[in-house]
Amino acid sequence: MPYVSRSTDSSIDGLFEQPQEGRAEEFLADDDPAVIAFNNKPLPVAAVSARQFKLQLLAAGLLDSVDAWVAQQSRDVQIAYEYSGTFVRNSPMMETGFSAMGFTPQQIDGFFVAAAQL
């Protein structure tokens, strides 16, 4: 039976075998639906290849919009988009671009998880 810590939105953000100092926790059974859902949640993806990233843009119907947005950015952003071999989830360019497209952090995570499967 794990000790569970929750984030501010009440979702589980960690499971522990022992109480963790400085964390508000509760004790839940291993077969509790919230524990099962947390254990089955896909791991965050920190980076994907350029091929995966751009194919996921295509699959999501965003490739043309992103290409147009990049064309309006500074030259260094344009070069990074065109020549990067890897796209890193938490880089400033990613955060700026996804914010411009109206993505939430959860949607960005979902995008990278989907891209990693390509």
N, C-alpha and C. Protein backbone atom coordinates (compact mmCIF):
# COMPACT_ATOMS: atom_id res chain seq x y z
N MET A 1 0.84 -1.18 0.00
CA MET A 1 0.00 0.00 0.00
C MET A 1 0.89 1.24 0.00
N PRO A 2 0.70 2.11 -1.00
CA PRO A 2 1.56 3.29 -1.11
C PRO A 2 1.04 4.50 -0.34
N TYR A 3 1.97 5.35 0.01
CA TYR A 3 1.65 6.68 0.47
C TYR A 3 1.53 7.54 -0.78
N VAL A 4 0.51 8.37 -0.84
CA VAL A 4 0.21 9.14 -2.03
C VAL A 4 0.34 10.63 -1.70
N SER A 5 1.05 11.36 -2.57
CA SER A 5 1.03 12.82 -2.45
C SER A 5 0.24 13.36 -3.63
N ARG A 6 -0.42 14.46 -3.40
CA ARG A 6 -1.28 15.04 -4.44
C ARG A 6 -0.82 16.45 -4.77
N SER A 7 -1.04 16.83 -6.04
CA SER A 7 -0.72 18.17 -6.50
C SER A 7 -1.85 19.11 -6.10
N THR A 8 -1.70 20.39 -6.43
CA THR A 8 -2.72 21.37 -6.05
C THR A 8 -4.07 21.10 -6.71
N ASP A 9 -4.09 20.39 -7.85
CA ASP A 9 -5.36 20.07 -8.50
C ASP A 9 -5.94 18.73 -8.03
N SER A 10 -5.38 18.19 -6.95
CA SER A 10 -5.82 16.93 -6.32
C SER A 10 -5.43 15.67 -7.07
N SER A 11 -4.70 15.81 -8.18
CA SER A 11 -4.24 14.60 -8.87
C SER A 11 -3.01 14.07 -8.15
N ILE A 12 -2.80 12.76 -8.24
CA ILE A 12 -1.65 12.14 -7.60
C ILE A 12 -0.38 12.57 -8.34
N ASP A 13 0.61 13.04 -7.57
CA ASP A 13 1.87 13.40 -8.21
C ASP A 13 3.04 12.57 -7.69
N GLY A 14 2.76 11.60 -6.84
CA GLY A 14 3.82 10.71 -6.38
C GLY A 14 3.30 9.58 -5.52
N LEU A 15 3.95 8.42 -5.64
CA LEU A 15 3.67 7.26 -4.80
C LEU A 15 4.95 6.91 -4.06
N PHE A 16 4.85 6.63 -2.75
CA PHE A 16 6.02 6.35 -1.94
C PHE A 16 5.76 5.17 -1.02
N GLU A 17 6.82 4.42 -0.71
CA GLU A 17 6.69 3.30 0.20
C GLU A 17 6.66 3.77 1.65
N GLN A 18 7.23 4.94 1.92
CA GLN A 18 7.28 5.50 3.25
C GLN A 18 6.82 6.95 3.20
N PRO A 19 6.39 7.49 4.33
CA PRO A 19 6.03 8.92 4.33
C PRO A 19 7.24 9.76 3.94
N GLN A 20 7.00 10.83 3.21
CA GLN A 20 8.05 11.73 2.76
C GLN A 20 7.92 13.06 3.50
N GLU A 21 9.00 13.48 4.13
CA GLU A 21 8.97 14.73 4.90
C GLU A 21 8.62 15.91 4.00
N GLY A 22 7.73 16.75 4.48
CA GLY A 22 7.36 17.94 3.73
C GLY A 22 6.27 17.73 2.70
N ARG A 23 5.68 16.56 2.66
CA ARG A 23 4.61 16.29 1.70
C ARG A 23 3.33 15.91 2.44
N ALA A 24 2.21 16.47 2.00
CA ALA A 24 0.92 16.05 2.52
C ALA A 24 0.58 14.73 1.85
N GLU A 25 0.28 13.74 2.65
CA GLU A 25 0.09 12.39 2.08
C GLU A 25 -1.12 11.70 2.65
N GLU A 26 -1.54 10.72 1.93
CA GLU A 26 -2.59 9.81 2.38
C GLU A 26 -2.15 8.39 2.01
N PHE A 27 -2.74 7.43 2.65
CA PHE A 27 -2.40 6.04 2.42
C PHE A 27 -3.53 5.42 1.60
N LEU A 28 -3.22 4.86 0.42
CA LEU A 28 -4.23 4.23 -0.43
C LEU A 28 -3.84 2.79 -0.74
N ALA A 29 -4.83 1.97 -0.99
CA ALA A 29 -4.58 0.58 -1.37
C ALA A 29 -4.02 0.50 -2.78
N ASP A 30 -3.22 -0.53 -3.06
CA ASP A 30 -2.65 -0.73 -4.39
C ASP A 30 -3.73 -0.82 -5.47
N ASP A 31 -4.91 -1.34 -5.12
CA ASP A 31 -5.96 -1.50 -6.12
C ASP A 31 -6.93 -0.32 -6.18
N ASP A 32 -6.59 0.78 -5.49
CA ASP A 32 -7.41 1.99 -5.57
C ASP A 32 -7.37 2.51 -7.01
N PRO A 33 -8.51 2.89 -7.59
CA PRO A 33 -8.52 3.36 -8.98
C PRO A 33 -7.55 4.52 -9.25
N ALA A 34 -7.39 5.43 -8.29
CA ALA A 34 -6.46 6.55 -8.49
C ALA A 34 -5.02 6.08 -8.56
N VAL A 35 -4.66 5.07 -7.77
CA VAL A 35 -3.30 4.52 -7.79
C VAL A 35 -3.07 3.78 -9.11
N ILE A 36 -4.05 3.01 -9.53
CA ILE A 36 -3.94 2.28 -10.81
C ILE A 36 -3.78 3.27 -11.96
N ALA A 37 -4.59 4.33 -11.98
CA ALA A 37 -4.50 5.33 -13.05
C ALA A 37 -3.12 6.00 -13.05
N PHE A 38 -2.60 6.33 -11.87
CA PHE A 38 -1.27 6.96 -11.80
C PHE A 38 -0.20 6.01 -12.33
N ASN A 39 -0.29 4.75 -11.95
CA ASN A 39 0.71 3.77 -12.41
C ASN A 39 0.64 3.50 -13.91
N ASN A 40 -0.53 3.68 -14.50
CA ASN A 40 -0.70 3.44 -15.94
C ASN A 40 -0.49 4.69 -16.79
N LYS A 41 -0.28 5.84 -16.15
CA LYS A 41 -0.09 7.09 -16.88
C LYS A 41 1.24 7.02 -17.64
N PRO A 42 1.24 7.43 -18.92
CA PRO A 42 2.49 7.40 -19.68
C PRO A 42 3.53 8.32 -19.06
N LEU A 43 4.76 7.88 -19.08
CA LEU A 43 5.84 8.71 -18.57
C LEU A 43 6.02 9.93 -19.45
N PRO A 44 6.35 11.07 -18.86
CA PRO A 44 6.61 12.25 -19.68
C PRO A 44 7.78 12.00 -20.63
N VAL A 45 7.69 12.57 -21.78
CA VAL A 45 8.75 12.44 -22.78
C VAL A 45 9.50 13.76 -22.81
N ALA A 46 10.81 13.70 -22.58
CA ALA A 46 11.62 14.92 -22.50
C ALA A 46 12.03 15.44 -23.86
N ALA A 47 12.20 14.56 -24.84
CA ALA A 47 12.67 14.99 -26.17
C ALA A 47 12.27 13.95 -27.20
N VAL A 48 12.13 14.42 -28.44
CA VAL A 48 11.85 13.54 -29.58
C VAL A 48 12.74 13.98 -30.74
N SER A 49 12.89 13.09 -31.71
CA SER A 49 13.67 13.45 -32.89
C SER A 49 12.90 14.48 -33.72
N ALA A 50 13.62 15.18 -34.58
CA ALA A 50 12.98 16.14 -35.47
C ALA A 50 11.95 15.45 -36.35
N ARG A 51 12.27 14.26 -36.82
CA ARG A 51 11.34 13.50 -37.65
C ARG A 51 10.06 13.22 -36.88
N GLN A 52 10.18 12.73 -35.64
CA GLN A 52 9.00 12.44 -34.83
C GLN A 52 8.19 13.71 -34.58
N PHE A 53 8.87 14.79 -34.24
CA PHE A 53 8.20 16.05 -33.93
C PHE A 53 7.40 16.55 -35.13
N LYS A 54 8.04 16.57 -36.28
CA LYS A 54 7.36 17.13 -37.47
C LYS A 54 6.28 16.20 -38.00
N LEU A 55 6.47 14.89 -37.87
CA LEU A 55 5.39 13.97 -38.26
C LEU A 55 4.20 14.10 -37.32
N GLN A 56 4.45 14.36 -36.04
CA GLN A 56 3.34 14.56 -35.11
C GLN A 56 2.63 15.88 -35.41
N LEU A 57 3.38 16.91 -35.79
CA LEU A 57 2.74 18.16 -36.23
C LEU A 57 1.81 17.88 -37.41
N LEU A 58 2.30 17.09 -38.37
CA LEU A 58 1.49 16.74 -39.54
C LEU A 58 0.25 15.97 -39.13
N ALA A 59 0.42 14.97 -38.27
CA ALA A 59 -0.70 14.13 -37.83
C ALA A 59 -1.74 14.95 -37.08
N ALA A 60 -1.29 15.97 -36.35
CA ALA A 60 -2.21 16.80 -35.57
C ALA A 60 -2.79 17.95 -36.39
N GLY A 61 -2.40 18.04 -37.67
CA GLY A 61 -2.91 19.11 -38.52
C GLY A 61 -2.31 20.47 -38.20
N LEU A 62 -1.11 20.48 -37.61
CA LEU A 62 -0.50 21.73 -37.17
C LEU A 62 0.73 22.14 -37.98
N LEU A 63 1.17 21.31 -38.90
CA LEU A 63 2.44 21.57 -39.58
C LEU A 63 2.44 22.92 -40.30
N ASP A 64 1.41 23.21 -41.05
CA ASP A 64 1.36 24.48 -41.79
C ASP A 64 1.30 25.68 -40.85
N SER A 65 0.53 25.57 -39.77
CA SER A 65 0.44 26.67 -38.80
C SER A 65 1.77 26.92 -38.11
N VAL A 66 2.45 25.84 -37.75
CA VAL A 66 3.74 25.98 -37.08
C VAL A 66 4.77 26.53 -38.05
N ASP A 67 4.79 26.03 -39.28
CA ASP A 67 5.71 26.57 -40.29
C ASP A 67 5.50 28.07 -40.48
N ALA A 68 4.24 28.51 -40.52
CA ALA A 68 3.94 29.93 -40.68
C ALA A 68 4.39 30.73 -39.46
N TRP A 69 4.19 30.17 -38.26
CA TRP A 69 4.63 30.85 -37.03
C TRP A 69 6.15 30.97 -37.01
N VAL A 70 6.84 29.88 -37.33
CA VAL A 70 8.31 29.90 -37.33
C VAL A 70 8.83 30.93 -38.33
N ALA A 71 8.19 31.05 -39.48
CA ALA A 71 8.63 32.00 -40.51
C ALA A 71 8.58 33.45 -40.02
N GLN A 72 7.76 33.70 -38.99
CA GLN A 72 7.64 35.05 -38.45
C GLN A 72 8.57 35.30 -37.26
N GLN A 73 9.33 34.28 -36.88
CA GLN A 73 10.20 34.40 -35.71
C GLN A 73 11.60 34.86 -36.11
N SER A 74 12.43 35.08 -35.11
CA SER A 74 13.81 35.51 -35.36
C SER A 74 14.57 34.43 -36.12
N ARG A 75 15.64 34.86 -36.74
CA ARG A 75 16.44 33.95 -37.56
C ARG A 75 16.97 32.76 -36.75
N ASP A 76 17.36 32.98 -35.49
CA ASP A 76 17.87 31.86 -34.69
C ASP A 76 16.79 30.81 -34.44
N VAL A 77 15.54 31.23 -34.25
CA VAL A 77 14.45 30.27 -34.08
C VAL A 77 14.22 29.51 -35.38
N GLN A 78 14.26 30.20 -36.51
CA GLN A 78 14.09 29.55 -37.81
C GLN A 78 15.18 28.50 -38.05
N ILE A 79 16.41 28.85 -37.74
CA ILE A 79 17.52 27.91 -37.92
C ILE A 79 17.36 26.71 -36.99
N ALA A 80 17.01 26.97 -35.74
CA ALA A 80 16.82 25.87 -34.78
C ALA A 80 15.72 24.92 -35.25
N TYR A 81 14.61 25.46 -35.73
CA TYR A 81 13.49 24.63 -36.19
C TYR A 81 13.89 23.80 -37.41
N GLU A 82 14.63 24.42 -38.32
CA GLU A 82 14.99 23.72 -39.56
C GLU A 82 16.08 22.68 -39.36
N TYR A 83 17.05 22.96 -38.50
CA TYR A 83 18.23 22.10 -38.44
C TYR A 83 18.41 21.28 -37.16
N SER A 84 17.55 21.45 -36.18
CA SER A 84 17.68 20.67 -34.96
C SER A 84 17.40 19.20 -35.23
N GLY A 85 18.22 18.35 -34.65
CA GLY A 85 17.99 16.91 -34.77
C GLY A 85 17.05 16.40 -33.69
N THR A 86 16.92 17.18 -32.61
CA THR A 86 16.10 16.80 -31.46
C THR A 86 15.30 18.01 -31.00
N PHE A 87 14.06 17.77 -30.62
CA PHE A 87 13.23 18.82 -30.05
C PHE A 87 12.99 18.48 -28.58
N VAL A 88 13.40 19.40 -27.71
CA VAL A 88 13.36 19.19 -26.26
C VAL A 88 12.11 19.84 -25.68
N ARG A 89 11.35 19.08 -24.94
CA ARG A 89 10.04 19.49 -24.40
C ARG A 89 10.09 20.82 -23.66
N ASN A 90 11.06 21.01 -22.78
CA ASN A 90 11.03 22.20 -21.94
C ASN A 90 11.98 23.31 -22.39
N SER A 91 12.38 23.30 -23.65
CA SER A 91 13.24 24.37 -24.14
C SER A 91 12.42 25.66 -24.29
N PRO A 92 13.05 26.81 -24.18
CA PRO A 92 12.30 28.07 -24.34
C PRO A 92 11.57 28.18 -25.68
N MET A 93 12.19 27.71 -26.77
CA MET A 93 11.52 27.77 -28.07
C MET A 93 10.24 26.93 -28.07
N MET A 94 10.30 25.75 -27.46
CA MET A 94 9.10 24.89 -27.40
C MET A 94 8.01 25.56 -26.58
N GLU A 95 8.39 26.09 -25.42
CA GLU A 95 7.39 26.71 -24.56
C GLU A 95 6.74 27.91 -25.25
N THR A 96 7.54 28.72 -25.92
CA THR A 96 7.01 29.88 -26.64
C THR A 96 6.09 29.44 -27.78
N GLY A 97 6.55 28.48 -28.56
CA GLY A 97 5.75 28.01 -29.70
C GLY A 97 4.45 27.36 -29.29
N PHE A 98 4.50 26.46 -28.31
CA PHE A 98 3.27 25.81 -27.87
C PHE A 98 2.32 26.80 -27.22
N SER A 99 2.87 27.78 -26.49
CA SER A 99 2.03 28.82 -25.90
C SER A 99 1.33 29.62 -27.00
N ALA A 100 2.07 29.95 -28.06
CA ALA A 100 1.48 30.69 -29.19
C ALA A 100 0.36 29.90 -29.85
N MET A 101 0.45 28.57 -29.81
CA MET A 101 -0.58 27.71 -30.40
C MET A 101 -1.72 27.42 -29.42
N GLY A 102 -1.61 27.93 -28.18
CA GLY A 102 -2.67 27.77 -27.20
C GLY A 102 -2.67 26.44 -26.46
N PHE A 103 -1.54 25.74 -26.43
CA PHE A 103 -1.46 24.44 -25.77
C PHE A 103 -1.31 24.60 -24.26
N THR A 104 -1.94 23.72 -23.51
CA THR A 104 -1.73 23.62 -22.07
C THR A 104 -0.53 22.71 -21.83
N PRO A 105 0.06 22.75 -20.64
CA PRO A 105 1.17 21.82 -20.34
C PRO A 105 0.79 20.36 -20.55
N GLN A 106 -0.44 19.99 -20.22
CA GLN A 106 -0.89 18.61 -20.40
C GLN A 106 -0.97 18.25 -21.89
N GLN A 107 -1.41 19.21 -22.71
CA GLN A 107 -1.48 18.96 -24.15
C GLN A 107 -0.08 18.84 -24.75
N ILE A 108 0.86 19.61 -24.24
CA ILE A 108 2.24 19.51 -24.72
C ILE A 108 2.80 18.14 -24.38
N ASP A 109 2.57 17.70 -23.14
CA ASP A 109 3.01 16.36 -22.74
C ASP A 109 2.40 15.30 -23.66
N GLY A 110 1.11 15.42 -23.94
CA GLY A 110 0.44 14.47 -24.82
C GLY A 110 1.02 14.49 -26.22
N PHE A 111 1.36 15.67 -26.71
CA PHE A 111 1.97 15.80 -28.03
C PHE A 111 3.30 15.04 -28.07
N PHE A 112 4.13 15.25 -27.05
CA PHE A 112 5.44 14.58 -27.03
C PHE A 112 5.30 13.06 -26.84
N VAL A 113 4.34 12.64 -26.03
CA VAL A 113 4.11 11.19 -25.86
C VAL A 113 3.70 10.58 -27.20
N ALA A 114 2.78 11.24 -27.93
CA ALA A 114 2.35 10.74 -29.23
C ALA A 114 3.50 10.74 -30.23
N ALA A 115 4.29 11.83 -30.23
CA ALA A 115 5.43 11.92 -31.17
C ALA A 115 6.45 10.82 -30.90
N ALA A 116 6.67 10.50 -29.64
CA ALA A 116 7.66 9.48 -29.29
C ALA A 116 7.28 8.10 -29.82
N GLN A 117 6.00 7.90 -30.12
CA GLN A 117 5.54 6.61 -30.61
C GLN A 117 5.65 6.48 -32.12
N LEU A 118 6.05 7.56 -32.80
CA LEU A 118 6.17 7.52 -34.26
C LEU A 118 7.54 7.01 -34.68
